[in-house]
């Protein structure tokens, strides 16, 4: 589908904590939500731009593409012999 969606909830440089950390983390569950509708095994390609008083920067090169994965739930009902 080759389209991009701007995500500012988790990666907004106007947030002083994100700005100070110089990084951000987007929870994998966001990518499985209706906004993105990705499934286990889908690839995520990301590009980044910055905005300041002078305007928006040129977008970065597209990243290599992470794969949407999830961890299985921890086991329950374990029996210790």
PDB file of N, CA and C in Angstrom:
ATOM      1  N   UNK A   1       0.815  -1.194   0.000  1.00  0.00           N
ATOM      2  CA  UNK A   1       0.000   0.000   0.000  1.00  0.00           C
ATOM      3  C   UNK A   1       0.858   1.257   0.000  1.00  0.00           C
ATOM      4  N   UNK A   2       2.082   1.312   0.244  1.00  0.00           N
ATOM      5  CA  UNK A   2       2.988   2.445   0.089  1.00  0.00           C
ATOM      6  C   UNK A   2       2.446   3.802   0.531  1.00  0.00           C
ATOM      7  N   UNK A   3       1.791   3.854   1.664  1.00  0.00           N
ATOM      8  CA  UNK A   3       1.377   5.140   2.211  1.00  0.00           C
ATOM      9  C   UNK A   3       1.930   5.254   3.626  1.00  0.00           C
ATOM     10  N   UNK A   4       2.049   6.478   4.083  1.00  0.00           N
ATOM     11  CA  UNK A   4       2.603   6.715   5.410  1.00  0.00           C
ATOM     12  C   UNK A   4       1.592   7.457   6.266  1.00  0.00           C
ATOM     13  N   UNK A   5       1.607   7.165   7.552  1.00  0.00           N
ATOM     14  CA  UNK A   5       0.708   7.805   8.511  1.00  0.00           C
ATOM     15  C   UNK A   5       1.572   8.511   9.543  1.00  0.00           C
ATOM     16  N   UNK A   6       1.279   9.765   9.813  1.00  0.00           N
ATOM     17  CA  UNK A   6       2.025  10.509  10.818  1.00  0.00           C
ATOM     18  C   UNK A   6       1.592  10.061  12.212  1.00  0.00           C
ATOM     19  N   UNK A   7       2.565   9.761  13.066  1.00  0.00           N
ATOM     20  CA  UNK A   7       2.267   9.309  14.420  1.00  0.00           C
ATOM     21  C   UNK A   7       2.882  10.299  15.404  1.00  0.00           C
ATOM     22  N   UNK A   8       2.044  11.046  16.113  1.00  0.00           N
ATOM     23  CA  UNK A   8       2.555  12.051  17.046  1.00  0.00           C
ATOM     24  C   UNK A   8       2.253  11.735  18.504  1.00  0.00           C
ATOM     25  N   UNK A   9       1.488  10.703  18.772  1.00  0.00           N
ATOM     26  CA  UNK A   9       1.174  10.359  20.155  1.00  0.00           C
ATOM     27  C   UNK A   9       2.432   9.926  20.894  1.00  0.00           C
ATOM     28  N   UNK A  10       3.240   9.091  20.286  1.00  0.00           N
ATOM     29  CA  UNK A  10       4.415   8.526  20.935  1.00  0.00           C
ATOM     30  C   UNK A  10       5.725   9.147  20.458  1.00  0.00           C
ATOM     31  N   UNK A  11       5.689   9.881  19.350  1.00  0.00           N
ATOM     32  CA  UNK A  11       6.930  10.419  18.768  1.00  0.00           C
ATOM     33  C   UNK A  11       6.800  11.892  18.402  1.00  0.00           C
ATOM     34  N   UNK A  12       6.373  12.695  19.344  1.00  0.00           N
ATOM     35  CA  UNK A  12       6.208  14.124  19.102  1.00  0.00           C
ATOM     36  C   UNK A  12       7.340  14.873  19.787  1.00  0.00           C
ATOM     37  N   UNK A  13       8.205  15.481  19.012  1.00  0.00           N
ATOM     38  CA  UNK A  13       9.343  16.213  19.556  1.00  0.00           C
ATOM     39  C   UNK A  13       8.948  17.429  20.365  1.00  0.00           C
ATOM     40  N   UNK A  14       7.670  17.843  20.307  1.00  0.00           N
ATOM     41  CA  UNK A  14       7.205  18.936  21.151  1.00  0.00           C
ATOM     42  C   UNK A  14       7.080  18.472  22.602  1.00  0.00           C
ATOM     43  N   UNK A  15       7.053  17.157  22.824  1.00  0.00           N
ATOM     44  CA  UNK A  15       7.029  16.583  24.172  1.00  0.00           C
ATOM     45  C   UNK A  15       8.457  16.655  24.711  1.00  0.00           C
ATOM     46  N   UNK A  16       8.655  17.372  25.802  1.00  0.00           N
ATOM     47  CA  UNK A  16      10.012  17.595  26.311  1.00  0.00           C
ATOM     48  C   UNK A  16      10.727  16.299  26.700  1.00  0.00           C
ATOM     49  N   UNK A  17       9.999  15.298  27.186  1.00  0.00           N
ATOM     50  CA  UNK A  17      10.627  14.019  27.554  1.00  0.00           C
ATOM     51  C   UNK A  17      11.159  13.306  26.307  1.00  0.00           C
ATOM     52  N   UNK A  18      10.385  13.314  25.236  1.00  0.00           N
ATOM     53  CA  UNK A  18      10.833  12.683  23.984  1.00  0.00           C
ATOM     54  C   UNK A  18      12.009  13.458  23.406  1.00  0.00           C
ATOM     55  N   UNK A  19      11.918  14.781  23.446  1.00  0.00           N
ATOM     56  CA  UNK A  19      13.003  15.617  22.942  1.00  0.00           C
ATOM     57  C   UNK A  19      14.292  15.352  23.713  1.00  0.00           C
ATOM     58  N   UNK A  20      14.207  15.280  25.042  1.00  0.00           N
ATOM     59  CA  UNK A  20      15.393  15.029  25.863  1.00  0.00           C
ATOM     60  C   UNK A  20      15.980  13.642  25.594  1.00  0.00           C
ATOM     61  N   UNK A  21      15.117  12.651  25.386  1.00  0.00           N
ATOM     62  CA  UNK A  21      15.582  11.279  25.135  1.00  0.00           C
ATOM     63  C   UNK A  21      16.159  11.126  23.728  1.00  0.00           C
ATOM     64  N   UNK A  22      15.757  12.011  22.832  1.00  0.00           N
ATOM     65  CA  UNK A  22      16.176  11.961  21.418  1.00  0.00           C
ATOM     66  C   UNK A  22      15.794  10.645  20.750  1.00  0.00           C
ATOM     67  N   UNK A  23      14.739  10.025  21.277  1.00  0.00           N
ATOM     68  CA  UNK A  23      14.209   8.798  20.685  1.00  0.00           C
ATOM     69  C   UNK A  23      12.780   8.606  21.169  1.00  0.00           C
ATOM     70  N   UNK A  24      12.083   7.688  20.532  1.00  0.00           N
ATOM     71  CA  UNK A  24      10.721   7.387  20.959  1.00  0.00           C
ATOM     72  C   UNK A  24      10.423   5.921  20.647  1.00  0.00           C
ATOM     73  N   UNK A  25       9.445   5.394  21.349  1.00  0.00           N
ATOM     74  CA  UNK A  25       9.033   4.001  21.159  1.00  0.00           C
ATOM     75  C   UNK A  25       7.546   3.974  20.864  1.00  0.00           C
ATOM     76  N   UNK A  26       7.184   3.312  19.788  1.00  0.00           N
ATOM     77  CA  UNK A  26       5.783   3.155  19.426  1.00  0.00           C
ATOM     78  C   UNK A  26       5.381   1.728  19.761  1.00  0.00           C
ATOM     79  N   UNK A  27       4.396   1.533  20.640  1.00  0.00           N
ATOM     80  CA  UNK A  27       3.975   0.181  21.027  1.00  0.00           C
ATOM     81  C   UNK A  27       3.457  -0.615  19.823  1.00  0.00           C
ATOM     82  N   UNK A  28       3.812  -1.879  19.759  1.00  0.00           N
ATOM     83  CA  UNK A  28       3.406  -2.722  18.637  1.00  0.00           C
ATOM     84  C   UNK A  28       1.882  -2.801  18.515  1.00  0.00           C
ATOM     85  N   UNK A  29       1.163  -2.704  19.636  1.00  0.00           N
ATOM     86  CA  UNK A  29      -0.303  -2.766  19.569  1.00  0.00           C
ATOM     87  C   UNK A  29      -0.896  -1.639  18.748  1.00  0.00           C
ATOM     88  N   UNK A  30      -0.207  -0.497  18.676  1.00  0.00           N
ATOM     89  CA  UNK A  30      -0.699   0.609  17.848  1.00  0.00           C
ATOM     90  C   UNK A  30      -0.762   0.185  16.380  1.00  0.00           C
ATOM     91  N   UNK A  31       0.222  -0.571  15.941  1.00  0.00           N
ATOM     92  CA  UNK A  31       0.260  -0.996  14.540  1.00  0.00           C
ATOM     93  C   UNK A  31      -0.824  -2.019  14.215  1.00  0.00           C
ATOM     94  N   UNK A  32      -1.322  -2.699  15.239  1.00  0.00           N
ATOM     95  CA  UNK A  32      -2.401  -3.668  15.033  1.00  0.00           C
ATOM     96  C   UNK A  32      -3.767  -3.019  15.160  1.00  0.00           C
ATOM     97  N   UNK A  33      -3.815  -1.739  15.563  1.00  0.00           N
ATOM     98  CA  UNK A  33      -5.091  -1.031  15.735  1.00  0.00           C
ATOM     99  C   UNK A  33      -5.683  -0.641  14.380  1.00  0.00           C
ATOM    100  N   UNK A  34      -6.879  -0.113  14.408  1.00  0.00           N
ATOM    101  CA  UNK A  34      -7.596   0.260  13.182  1.00  0.00           C
ATOM    102  C   UNK A  34      -6.842   1.307  12.363  1.00  0.00           C
ATOM    103  N   UNK A  35      -6.047   2.156  13.029  1.00  0.00           N
ATOM    104  CA  UNK A  35      -5.310   3.191  12.306  1.00  0.00           C
ATOM    105  C   UNK A  35      -4.377   2.586  11.261  1.00  0.00           C
ATOM    106  N   UNK A  36      -3.696   1.502  11.632  1.00  0.00           N
ATOM    107  CA  UNK A  36      -2.737   0.864  10.727  1.00  0.00           C
ATOM    108  C   UNK A  36      -3.238  -0.474  10.187  1.00  0.00           C
ATOM    109  N   UNK A  37      -3.957  -1.218  10.996  1.00  0.00           N
ATOM    110  CA  UNK A  37      -4.516  -2.526  10.613  1.00  0.00           C
ATOM    111  C   UNK A  37      -3.466  -3.507  10.105  1.00  0.00           C
ATOM    112  N   UNK A  38      -2.341  -3.578  10.776  1.00  0.00           N
ATOM    113  CA  UNK A  38      -1.312  -4.538  10.389  1.00  0.00           C
ATOM    114  C   UNK A  38      -1.516  -5.851  11.141  1.00  0.00           C
ATOM    115  N   UNK A  39      -0.996  -6.922  10.578  1.00  0.00           N
ATOM    116  CA  UNK A  39      -1.138  -8.243  11.157  1.00  0.00           C
ATOM    117  C   UNK A  39       0.231  -8.826  11.462  1.00  0.00           C
ATOM    118  N   UNK A  40       0.247  -9.865  12.278  1.00  0.00           N
ATOM    119  CA  UNK A  40       1.470 -10.607  12.578  1.00  0.00           C
ATOM    120  C   UNK A  40       2.181 -10.948  11.272  1.00  0.00           C
ATOM    121  N   UNK A  41       3.467 -10.604  11.165  1.00  0.00           N
ATOM    122  CA  UNK A  41       4.252 -10.904   9.971  1.00  0.00           C
ATOM    123  C   UNK A  41       4.307  -9.779   8.955  1.00  0.00           C
ATOM    124  N   UNK A  42       3.420  -8.763   9.070  1.00  0.00           N
ATOM    125  CA  UNK A  42       3.483  -7.611   8.169  1.00  0.00           C
ATOM    126  C   UNK A  42       4.760  -6.819   8.434  1.00  0.00           C
ATOM    127  N   UNK A  43       5.196  -6.071   7.452  1.00  0.00           N
ATOM    128  CA  UNK A  43       6.403  -5.253   7.583  1.00  0.00           C
ATOM    129  C   UNK A  43       6.034  -3.789   7.812  1.00  0.00           C
ATOM    130  N   UNK A  44       6.839  -3.116   8.636  1.00  0.00           N
ATOM    131  CA  UNK A  44       6.655  -1.702   8.926  1.00  0.00           C
ATOM    132  C   UNK A  44       7.862  -0.962   8.365  1.00  0.00           C
ATOM    133  N   UNK A  45       7.618  -0.019   7.479  1.00  0.00           N
ATOM    134  CA  UNK A  45       8.678   0.805   6.922  1.00  0.00           C
ATOM    135  C   UNK A  45       8.483   2.219   7.442  1.00  0.00           C
ATOM    136  N   UNK A  46       9.554   2.817   7.947  1.00  0.00           N
ATOM    137  CA  UNK A  46       9.444   4.096   8.632  1.00  0.00           C
ATOM    138  C   UNK A  46      10.365   5.119   7.997  1.00  0.00           C
ATOM    139  N   UNK A  47       9.873   6.358   7.918  1.00  0.00           N
ATOM    140  CA  UNK A  47      10.746   7.473   7.588  1.00  0.00           C
ATOM    141  C   UNK A  47      10.456   8.584   8.587  1.00  0.00           C
ATOM    142  N   UNK A  48      11.451   9.409   8.846  1.00  0.00           N
ATOM    143  CA  UNK A  48      11.363  10.396   9.909  1.00  0.00           C
ATOM    144  C   UNK A  48      11.646  11.780   9.344  1.00  0.00           C
ATOM    145  N   UNK A  49      10.917  12.773   9.858  1.00  0.00           N
ATOM    146  CA  UNK A  49      11.228  14.166   9.534  1.00  0.00           C
ATOM    147  C   UNK A  49      11.129  14.976  10.817  1.00  0.00           C
ATOM    148  N   UNK A  50      11.704  16.158  10.800  1.00  0.00           N
ATOM    149  CA  UNK A  50      11.680  17.038  11.965  1.00  0.00           C
ATOM    150  C   UNK A  50      11.051  18.371  11.561  1.00  0.00           C
ATOM    151  N   UNK A  51      10.417  19.008  12.531  1.00  0.00           N
ATOM    152  CA  UNK A  51       9.811  20.314  12.290  1.00  0.00           C
ATOM    153  C   UNK A  51      10.327  21.274  13.346  1.00  0.00           C
ATOM    154  N   UNK A  52      10.759  22.454  12.909  1.00  0.00           N
ATOM    155  CA  UNK A  52      11.168  23.494  13.849  1.00  0.00           C
ATOM    156  C   UNK A  52      10.688  24.849  13.329  1.00  0.00           C
ATOM    157  N   UNK A  53      11.207  25.937  13.881  1.00  0.00           N
ATOM    158  CA  UNK A  53      10.759  27.277  13.485  1.00  0.00           C
ATOM    159  C   UNK A  53      10.998  27.578  12.008  1.00  0.00           C
ATOM    160  N   UNK A  54      11.914  26.856  11.374  1.00  0.00           N
ATOM    161  CA  UNK A  54      12.241  27.092   9.965  1.00  0.00           C
ATOM    162  C   UNK A  54      11.421  26.234   9.010  1.00  0.00           C
ATOM    163  N   UNK A  55      10.650  25.304   9.540  1.00  0.00           N
ATOM    164  CA  UNK A  55       9.827  24.436   8.698  1.00  0.00           C
ATOM    165  C   UNK A  55      10.158  22.978   8.894  1.00  0.00           C
ATOM    166  N   UNK A  56       9.707  22.159   7.979  1.00  0.00           N
ATOM    167  CA  UNK A  56       9.910  20.714   8.074  1.00  0.00           C
ATOM    168  C   UNK A  56      11.138  20.285   7.293  1.00  0.00           C
ATOM    169  N   UNK A  57      11.882  19.341   7.858  1.00  0.00           N
ATOM    170  CA  UNK A  57      13.073  18.819   7.193  1.00  0.00           C
ATOM    171  C   UNK A  57      12.669  17.867   6.065  1.00  0.00           C
ATOM    172  N   UNK A  58      13.626  17.540   5.258  1.00  0.00           N
ATOM    173  CA  UNK A  58      13.434  16.497   4.259  1.00  0.00           C
ATOM    174  C   UNK A  58      13.289  15.184   5.019  1.00  0.00           C
ATOM    175  N   UNK A  59      12.405  14.317   4.590  1.00  0.00           N
ATOM    176  CA  UNK A  59      12.210  13.022   5.261  1.00  0.00           C
ATOM    177  C   UNK A  59      13.453  12.156   5.106  1.00  0.00           C
ATOM    178  N   UNK A  60      13.709  11.339   6.115  1.00  0.00           N
ATOM    179  CA  UNK A  60      14.834  10.413   6.067  1.00  0.00           C
ATOM    180  C   UNK A  60      14.600   9.340   5.009  1.00  0.00           C
ATOM    181  N   UNK A  61      15.637   8.578   4.745  1.00  0.00           N
ATOM    182  CA  UNK A  61      15.482   7.406   3.898  1.00  0.00           C
ATOM    183  C   UNK A  61      14.564   6.429   4.617  1.00  0.00           C
ATOM    184  N   UNK A  62      13.869   5.619   3.873  1.00  0.00           N
ATOM    185  CA  UNK A  62      12.969   4.628   4.467  1.00  0.00           C
ATOM    186  C   UNK A  62      13.798   3.554   5.152  1.00  0.00           C
ATOM    187  N   UNK A  63      13.401   3.194   6.388  1.00  0.00           N
ATOM    188  CA  UNK A  63      14.095   2.152   7.139  1.00  0.00           C
ATOM    189  C   UNK A  63      13.936   0.790   6.487  1.00  0.00           C
ATOM    190  N   UNK A  64      14.689  -0.188   6.963  1.00  0.00           N
ATOM    191  CA  UNK A  64      14.720  -1.531   6.381  1.00  0.00           C
ATOM    192  C   UNK A  64      13.423  -2.303   6.514  1.00  0.00           C
ATOM    193  N   UNK A  65      12.607  -1.950   7.449  1.00  0.00           N
ATOM    194  CA  UNK A  65      11.338  -2.645   7.602  1.00  0.00           C
ATOM    195  C   UNK A  65      11.340  -3.645   8.730  1.00  0.00           C
ATOM    196  N   UNK A  66      10.759  -3.268   9.830  1.00  0.00           N
ATOM    197  CA  UNK A  66      10.601  -4.182  10.960  1.00  0.00           C
ATOM    198  C   UNK A  66       9.409  -5.091  10.681  1.00  0.00           C
ATOM    199  N   UNK A  67       9.355  -6.200  11.358  1.00  0.00           N
ATOM    200  CA  UNK A  67       8.256  -7.151  11.190  1.00  0.00           C
ATOM    201  C   UNK A  67       7.384  -7.098  12.439  1.00  0.00           C
ATOM    202  N   UNK A  68       6.077  -7.042  12.249  1.00  0.00           N
ATOM    203  CA  UNK A  68       5.137  -7.037  13.369  1.00  0.00           C
ATOM    204  C   UNK A  68       5.137  -8.420  13.997  1.00  0.00           C
ATOM    205  N   UNK A  69       5.553  -8.478  15.248  1.00  0.00           N
ATOM    206  CA  UNK A  69       5.575  -9.731  15.999  1.00  0.00           C
ATOM    207  C   UNK A  69       4.931  -9.490  17.351  1.00  0.00           C
ATOM    208  N   UNK A  70       4.491 -10.530  17.948  1.00  0.00           N
ATOM    209  CA  UNK A  70       3.993 -10.413  19.321  1.00  0.00           C
ATOM    210  C   UNK A  70       4.472 -11.629  20.101  1.00  0.00           C
ATOM    211  N   UNK A  71       4.628 -11.429  21.371  1.00  0.00           N
ATOM    212  CA  UNK A  71       5.033 -12.540  22.230  1.00  0.00           C
ATOM    213  C   UNK A  71       3.809 -13.336  22.624  1.00  0.00           C
ATOM    214  N   UNK A  72       3.938 -14.623  22.723  1.00  0.00           N
ATOM    215  CA  UNK A  72       2.799 -15.406  23.214  1.00  0.00           C
ATOM    216  C   UNK A  72       2.536 -15.100  24.687  1.00  0.00           C
ATOM    217  N   UNK A  73       1.339 -15.343  25.120  1.00  0.00           N
ATOM    218  CA  UNK A  73       1.017 -15.179  26.535  1.00  0.00           C
ATOM    219  C   UNK A  73       1.835 -16.160  27.355  1.00  0.00           C
ATOM    220  N   UNK A  74       2.200 -15.792  28.580  1.00  0.00           N
ATOM    221  CA  UNK A  74       2.941 -16.718  29.418  1.00  0.00           C
ATOM    222  C   UNK A  74       2.088 -17.949  29.716  1.00  0.00           C
ATOM    223  N   UNK A  75       2.734 -19.088  29.937  1.00  0.00           N
ATOM    224  CA  UNK A  75       1.984 -20.306  30.212  1.00  0.00           C
ATOM    225  C   UNK A  75       1.203 -20.195  31.540  1.00  0.00           C
ATOM    226  N   UNK A  76       0.109 -20.865  31.579  1.00  0.00           N
ATOM    227  CA  UNK A  76      -0.690 -20.925  32.807  1.00  0.00           C
ATOM    228  C   UNK A  76      -0.876 -22.384  33.191  1.00  0.00           C
ATOM    229  N   UNK A  77      -1.344 -22.639  34.368  1.00  0.00           N
ATOM    230  CA  UNK A  77      -1.628 -23.989  34.838  1.00  0.00           C
ATOM    231  C   UNK A  77      -0.409 -24.893  34.804  1.00  0.00           C
ATOM    232  N   UNK A  78       0.759 -24.358  35.122  1.00  0.00           N
ATOM    233  CA  UNK A  78       1.963 -25.197  35.170  1.00  0.00           C
ATOM    234  C   UNK A  78       1.909 -26.063  36.428  1.00  0.00           C
ATOM    235  N   UNK A  79       2.334 -27.274  36.257  1.00  0.00           N
ATOM    236  CA  UNK A  79       2.335 -28.209  37.379  1.00  0.00           C
ATOM    237  C   UNK A  79       3.785 -28.469  37.741  1.00  0.00           C
ATOM    238  N   UNK A  80       4.092 -28.328  39.016  1.00  0.00           N
ATOM    239  CA  UNK A  80       5.441 -28.582  39.498  1.00  0.00           C
ATOM    240  C   UNK A  80       5.456 -29.960  40.183  1.00  0.00           C
ATOM    241  N   UNK A  81       6.148 -30.909  39.578  1.00  0.00           N
ATOM    242  CA  UNK A  81       6.181 -32.269  40.148  1.00  0.00           C
ATOM    243  C   UNK A  81       7.160 -32.391  41.254  1.00  0.00           C
TER     244      UNK A  81
END
